[in-house]
Amino acid sequence: MRKYQYWLVVMVVAVFLAVCLVWANSLQPQIYQPVAQKEKTTPAPSAEAVGNNFEEVLATYVIDGDTIILQDGRHVRYIGIDTPELGSGENKKTADYNITAIEARKFNQQLVLGKKVILEKDVEEFDKYGRTLAYVWVDGKMVNEELLKAGVAVLMTIEPNIRYEERLRVATGATNF
């Protein structure tokens, strides 16, 4: 009888621990859990989006203000802008820095999450981390430019990827070229 009681206690404890782990995992902030949202319909790409420099894809996760993950798992880094990184020890510089990082991510989510976006390539296809480099378009607007206009990104152009440098500079409100 004691052997039966011992195994019963072990099983109850194991079930309790499993339930606790599932519950604790559900409490993690949404920020770290990629979620594929229901696909929303967007207009078909324009005639100019037919060339090799354009690709229509679904954005399923927003890492931060300037990086997203596509339905196929690729990471895309926006060309021409920079936003603060989220959660990186070195980059947790000030409270303002972290607030801006969160604002940039939220704004980027509003623009692209769960939507079909059009990627437009420039000269280089990948950065040194293997991420796809692109100007990202949604509903006829360039996301890179919208982030600058909202003040949650800064201009950061790196040659040779400078196709829209002047346009992005104008979006920052800069008047001196």
C-alpha atoms as a PDB file:
ATOM      1  CA  MET A   1       0.000   0.000   0.000  1.00  0.00           C
ATOM      2  CA  ARG A   2       2.847   2.412   0.806  1.00  0.00           C
ATOM      3  CA  LYS A   3       4.352   1.919  -2.645  1.00  0.00           C
ATOM      4  CA  TYR A   4       1.017   2.913  -4.200  1.00  0.00           C
ATOM      5  CA  GLN A   5       0.798   6.040  -2.018  1.00  0.00           C
ATOM      6  CA  TYR A   6       4.377   7.023  -2.914  1.00  0.00           C
ATOM      7  CA  TRP A   7       3.657   6.843  -6.657  1.00  0.00           C
ATOM      8  CA  LEU A   8       0.387   8.700  -6.217  1.00  0.00           C
ATOM      9  CA  VAL A   9       2.211  11.560  -4.470  1.00  0.00           C
ATOM     10  CA  VAL A  10       4.881  11.597  -7.194  1.00  0.00           C
ATOM     11  CA  MET A  11       2.232  11.783  -9.917  1.00  0.00           C
ATOM     12  CA  VAL A  12       0.299  14.572  -8.144  1.00  0.00           C
ATOM     13  CA  VAL A  13       3.506  16.595  -7.718  1.00  0.00           C
ATOM     14  CA  ALA A  14       4.452  16.042 -11.379  1.00  0.00           C
ATOM     15  CA  VAL A  15       1.029  17.182 -12.587  1.00  0.00           C
ATOM     16  CA  PHE A  16       1.175  20.196 -10.261  1.00  0.00           C
ATOM     17  CA  LEU A  17       4.619  21.190 -11.617  1.00  0.00           C
ATOM     18  CA  ALA A  18       3.456  20.785 -15.213  1.00  0.00           C
ATOM     19  CA  VAL A  19       0.443  23.016 -14.576  1.00  0.00           C
ATOM     20  CA  CYS A  20       2.682  25.613 -12.888  1.00  0.00           C
ATOM     21  CA  LEU A  21       5.090  25.646 -15.846  1.00  0.00           C
ATOM     22  CA  VAL A  22       2.277  26.086 -18.356  1.00  0.00           C
ATOM     23  CA  TRP A  23       0.751  28.860 -16.257  1.00  0.00           C
ATOM     24  CA  ALA A  24       4.117  30.648 -15.788  1.00  0.00           C
ATOM     25  CA  ASN A  25       4.783  30.470 -19.547  1.00  0.00           C
ATOM     26  CA  SER A  26       1.432  32.095 -20.256  1.00  0.00           C
ATOM     27  CA  LEU A  27       2.398  35.038 -18.001  1.00  0.00           C
ATOM     28  CA  GLN A  28       5.479  35.937 -20.051  1.00  0.00           C
ATOM     29  CA  PRO A  29       5.169  39.314 -21.745  1.00  0.00           C
ATOM     30  CA  GLN A  30       3.796  39.236 -25.289  1.00  0.00           C
ATOM     31  CA  ILE A  31       6.933  41.086 -26.407  1.00  0.00           C
ATOM     32  CA  TYR A  32       8.958  37.853 -26.435  1.00  0.00           C
ATOM     33  CA  GLN A  33       6.387  35.545 -27.986  1.00  0.00           C
ATOM     34  CA  PRO A  34       6.044  35.674 -31.769  1.00  0.00           C
ATOM     35  CA  VAL A  35       2.410  35.334 -32.742  1.00  0.00           C
ATOM     36  CA  ALA A  36       1.183  34.850 -36.264  1.00  0.00           C
ATOM     37  CA  GLN A  37      -1.949  36.911 -36.521  1.00  0.00           C
ATOM     38  CA  LYS A  38      -4.826  36.325 -38.842  1.00  0.00           C
ATOM     39  CA  GLU A  39      -3.806  37.421 -42.313  1.00  0.00           C
ATOM     40  CA  LYS A  40      -5.414  40.681 -43.358  1.00  0.00           C
ATOM     41  CA  THR A  41      -6.082  41.485 -46.953  1.00  0.00           C
ATOM     42  CA  THR A  42      -4.191  44.309 -48.574  1.00  0.00           C
ATOM     43  CA  PRO A  43      -4.382  45.563 -52.123  1.00  0.00           C
ATOM     44  CA  ALA A  44      -2.353  43.706 -54.720  1.00  0.00           C
ATOM     45  CA  PRO A  45       1.091  45.153 -55.390  1.00  0.00           C
ATOM     46  CA  SER A  46       1.246  47.839 -58.021  1.00  0.00           C
ATOM     47  CA  ALA A  47       2.598  47.230 -61.505  1.00  0.00           C
ATOM     48  CA  GLU A  48       5.981  48.621 -60.418  1.00  0.00           C
ATOM     49  CA  ALA A  49       6.238  45.892 -57.775  1.00  0.00           C
ATOM     50  CA  VAL A  50       6.573  43.178 -60.377  1.00  0.00           C
ATOM     51  CA  GLY A  51      10.361  43.489 -60.865  1.00  0.00           C
ATOM     52  CA  ASN A  52      13.134  41.568 -59.126  1.00  0.00           C
ATOM     53  CA  ASN A  53      13.607  44.279 -56.500  1.00  0.00           C
ATOM     54  CA  PHE A  54      10.142  43.728 -54.992  1.00  0.00           C
ATOM     55  CA  GLU A  55       8.590  40.909 -53.028  1.00  0.00           C
ATOM     56  CA  GLU A  56       5.227  40.664 -51.243  1.00  0.00           C
ATOM     57  CA  VAL A  57       5.314  38.752 -47.937  1.00  0.00           C
ATOM     58  CA  LEU A  58       3.459  38.433 -44.622  1.00  0.00           C
ATOM     59  CA  ALA A  59       4.999  40.111 -41.552  1.00  0.00           C
ATOM     60  CA  THR A  60       4.346  37.800 -38.602  1.00  0.00           C
ATOM     61  CA  TYR A  61       6.503  39.263 -35.799  1.00  0.00           C
ATOM     62  CA  VAL A  62       8.040  42.613 -34.944  1.00  0.00           C
ATOM     63  CA  ILE A  63      11.375  42.335 -33.137  1.00  0.00           C
ATOM     64  CA  ASP A  64      11.871  46.066 -32.647  1.00  0.00           C
ATOM     65  CA  GLY A  65      11.440  49.355 -34.465  1.00  0.00           C
ATOM     66  CA  ASP A  66      13.563  48.421 -37.458  1.00  0.00           C
ATOM     67  CA  THR A  67      13.498  44.617 -37.688  1.00  0.00           C
ATOM     68  CA  ILE A  68      10.683  42.175 -38.449  1.00  0.00           C
ATOM     69  CA  ILE A  69      10.269  38.458 -39.050  1.00  0.00           C
ATOM     70  CA  LEU A  70       8.402  37.185 -42.093  1.00  0.00           C
ATOM     71  CA  GLN A  71       6.090  34.191 -42.372  1.00  0.00           C
ATOM     72  CA  ASP A  72       8.934  32.174 -43.927  1.00  0.00           C
ATOM     73  CA  GLY A  73      11.228  32.911 -40.950  1.00  0.00           C
ATOM     74  CA  ARG A  74      13.457  35.497 -42.598  1.00  0.00           C
ATOM     75  CA  HIS A  75      14.529  38.519 -40.582  1.00  0.00           C
ATOM     76  CA  VAL A  76      14.230  41.872 -42.365  1.00  0.00           C
ATOM     77  CA  ARG A  77      16.232  44.952 -41.322  1.00  0.00           C
ATOM     78  CA  TYR A  78      14.880  48.279 -42.570  1.00  0.00           C
ATOM     79  CA  ILE A  79      17.281  50.272 -44.753  1.00  0.00           C
ATOM     80  CA  GLY A  80      18.095  53.884 -43.910  1.00  0.00           C
ATOM     81  CA  ILE A  81      16.892  54.054 -40.318  1.00  0.00           C
ATOM     82  CA  ASP A  82      17.886  52.989 -36.835  1.00  0.00           C
ATOM     83  CA  THR A  83      15.847  52.538 -33.655  1.00  0.00           C
ATOM     84  CA  PRO A  84      16.919  51.608 -30.123  1.00  0.00           C
ATOM     85  CA  GLU A  85      17.253  47.895 -29.412  1.00  0.00           C
ATOM     86  CA  LEU A  86      14.960  46.177 -26.917  1.00  0.00           C
ATOM     87  CA  GLY A  87      16.303  44.273 -23.936  1.00  0.00           C
ATOM     88  CA  SER A  88      19.994  44.226 -24.852  1.00  0.00           C
ATOM     89  CA  GLY A  89      22.144  44.772 -21.752  1.00  0.00           C
ATOM     90  CA  GLU A  90      24.538  47.152 -23.472  1.00  0.00           C
ATOM     91  CA  ASN A  91      21.670  49.178 -24.892  1.00  0.00           C
ATOM     92  CA  LYS A  92      19.697  49.665 -21.678  1.00  0.00           C
ATOM     93  CA  LYS A  93      21.250  53.083 -21.379  1.00  0.00           C
ATOM     94  CA  THR A  94      18.509  55.262 -19.908  1.00  0.00           C
ATOM     95  CA  ALA A  95      14.831  55.155 -19.144  1.00  0.00           C
ATOM     96  CA  ASP A  96      14.211  57.459 -22.146  1.00  0.00           C
ATOM     97  CA  TYR A  97      16.164  55.094 -24.390  1.00  0.00           C
ATOM     98  CA  ASN A  98      14.005  52.135 -23.312  1.00  0.00           C
ATOM     99  CA  ILE A  99      10.789  54.110 -23.696  1.00  0.00           C
ATOM    100  CA  THR A 100      11.783  55.074 -27.245  1.00  0.00           C
ATOM    101  CA  ALA A 101      12.620  51.435 -28.039  1.00  0.00           C
ATOM    102  CA  ILE A 102       9.180  50.325 -26.864  1.00  0.00           C
ATOM    103  CA  GLU A 103       7.425  53.159 -28.728  1.00  0.00           C
ATOM    104  CA  ALA A 104       9.297  52.304 -31.936  1.00  0.00           C
ATOM    105  CA  ARG A 105       8.352  48.633 -31.653  1.00  0.00           C
ATOM    106  CA  LYS A 106       4.679  49.417 -30.969  1.00  0.00           C
ATOM    107  CA  PHE A 107       4.493  51.853 -33.879  1.00  0.00           C
ATOM    108  CA  ASN A 108       6.148  49.309 -36.173  1.00  0.00           C
ATOM    109  CA  GLN A 109       3.637  46.666 -35.000  1.00  0.00           C
ATOM    110  CA  GLN A 110       0.739  48.962 -35.838  1.00  0.00           C
ATOM    111  CA  LEU A 111       2.112  49.458 -39.329  1.00  0.00           C
ATOM    112  CA  VAL A 112       3.080  45.908 -40.359  1.00  0.00           C
ATOM    113  CA  LEU A 113       2.108  43.125 -37.947  1.00  0.00           C
ATOM    114  CA  GLY A 114      -0.120  40.543 -39.602  1.00  0.00           C
ATOM    115  CA  LYS A 115      -0.114  42.411 -42.904  1.00  0.00           C
ATOM    116  CA  LYS A 116       1.285  41.647 -46.308  1.00  0.00           C
ATOM    117  CA  VAL A 117       4.153  44.010 -46.921  1.00  0.00           C
ATOM    118  CA  ILE A 118       6.209  44.724 -49.998  1.00  0.00           C
ATOM    119  CA  LEU A 119       9.961  44.488 -49.619  1.00  0.00           C
ATOM    120  CA  GLU A 120      12.036  46.662 -51.935  1.00  0.00           C
ATOM    121  CA  LYS A 121      15.710  45.797 -52.172  1.00  0.00           C
ATOM    122  CA  ASP A 122      18.531  48.252 -52.794  1.00  0.00           C
ATOM    123  CA  VAL A 123      22.110  47.383 -53.788  1.00  0.00           C
ATOM    124  CA  GLU A 124      22.993  44.947 -50.982  1.00  0.00           C
ATOM    125  CA  GLU A 125      20.595  42.134 -50.185  1.00  0.00           C
ATOM    126  CA  PHE A 126      21.874  41.178 -46.694  1.00  0.00           C
ATOM    127  CA  ASP A 127      23.583  42.842 -43.729  1.00  0.00           C
ATOM    128  CA  LYS A 128      26.539  41.349 -41.841  1.00  0.00           C
ATOM    129  CA  TYR A 129      24.126  39.389 -39.624  1.00  0.00           C
ATOM    130  CA  GLY A 130      22.400  37.714 -42.575  1.00  0.00           C
ATOM    131  CA  ARG A 131      19.207  39.757 -42.297  1.00  0.00           C
ATOM    132  CA  THR A 132      17.447  40.797 -45.499  1.00  0.00           C
ATOM    133  CA  LEU A 133      17.853  44.539 -46.100  1.00  0.00           C
ATOM    134  CA  ALA A 134      14.786  46.296 -47.485  1.00  0.00           C
ATOM    135  CA  TYR A 135      12.601  49.324 -47.745  1.00  0.00           C
ATOM    136  CA  VAL A 136       9.270  48.064 -46.432  1.00  0.00           C
ATOM    137  CA  TRP A 137       5.977  49.227 -47.942  1.00  0.00           C
ATOM    138  CA  VAL A 138       2.464  48.693 -46.619  1.00  0.00           C
ATOM    139  CA  ASP A 139      -0.729  50.226 -47.978  1.00  0.00           C
ATOM    140  CA  GLY A 140       1.316  52.439 -50.318  1.00  0.00           C
ATOM    141  CA  LYS A 141       3.425  53.937 -47.506  1.00  0.00           C
ATOM    142  CA  MET A 142       7.120  53.370 -46.861  1.00  0.00           C
ATOM    143  CA  VAL A 143       7.361  52.074 -43.271  1.00  0.00           C
ATOM    144  CA  ASN A 144      10.977  53.275 -42.947  1.00  0.00           C
ATOM    145  CA  GLU A 145       9.797  56.813 -43.716  1.00  0.00           C
ATOM    146  CA  GLU A 146       6.758  56.616 -41.397  1.00  0.00           C
ATOM    147  CA  LEU A 147       8.972  55.639 -38.448  1.00  0.00           C
ATOM    148  CA  LEU A 148      11.154  58.705 -39.096  1.00  0.00           C
ATOM    149  CA  LYS A 149       8.130  61.001 -39.371  1.00  0.00           C
ATOM    150  CA  ALA A 150       6.807  59.659 -36.059  1.00  0.00           C
ATOM    151  CA  GLY A 151      10.121  60.472 -34.387  1.00  0.00           C
ATOM    152  CA  VAL A 152      10.782  56.920 -33.179  1.00  0.00           C
ATOM    153  CA  ALA A 153      13.676  56.304 -35.585  1.00  0.00           C
ATOM    154  CA  VAL A 154      16.767  58.196 -36.683  1.00  0.00           C
ATOM    155  CA  LEU A 155      18.260  58.435 -40.137  1.00  0.00           C
ATOM    156  CA  MET A 156      21.120  56.000 -40.718  1.00  0.00           C
ATOM    157  CA  THR A 157      22.160  55.561 -44.322  1.00  0.00           C
ATOM    158  CA  ILE A 158      24.995  53.227 -45.205  1.00  0.00           C
ATOM    159  CA  GLU A 159      26.394  53.155 -48.717  1.00  0.00           C
ATOM    160  CA  PRO A 160      25.726  51.668 -51.156  1.00  0.00           C
ATOM    161  CA  ASN A 161      22.085  51.384 -49.947  1.00  0.00           C
ATOM    162  CA  ILE A 162      21.093  55.028 -50.410  1.00  0.00           C
ATOM    163  CA  ARG A 163      18.295  54.939 -53.001  1.00  0.00           C
ATOM    164  CA  TYR A 164      15.880  56.904 -50.780  1.00  0.00           C
ATOM    165  CA  GLU A 165      18.410  58.859 -48.690  1.00  0.00           C
ATOM    166  CA  GLU A 166      17.017  62.281 -49.628  1.00  0.00           C
ATOM    167  CA  ARG A 167      13.408  61.169 -49.112  1.00  0.00           C
ATOM    168  CA  LEU A 168      14.256  59.771 -45.680  1.00  0.00           C
ATOM    169  CA  ARG A 169      16.213  62.906 -44.768  1.00  0.00           C
ATOM    170  CA  VAL A 170      13.132  65.012 -45.601  1.00  0.00           C
ATOM    171  CA  ALA A 171      11.032  62.742 -43.353  1.00  0.00           C
ATOM    172  CA  THR A 172      13.254  63.640 -40.390  1.00  0.00           C
ATOM    173  CA  GLY A 173      12.413  67.307 -40.893  1.00  0.00           C
ATOM    174  CA  ALA A 174      16.000  68.165 -41.788  1.00  0.00           C
ATOM    175  CA  THR A 175      16.290  71.123 -44.127  1.00  0.00           C
ATOM    176  CA  ASN A 176      20.056  71.192 -44.658  1.00  0.00           C
ATOM    177  CA  PHE A 177      21.251  68.622 -47.161  1.00  0.00           C
END
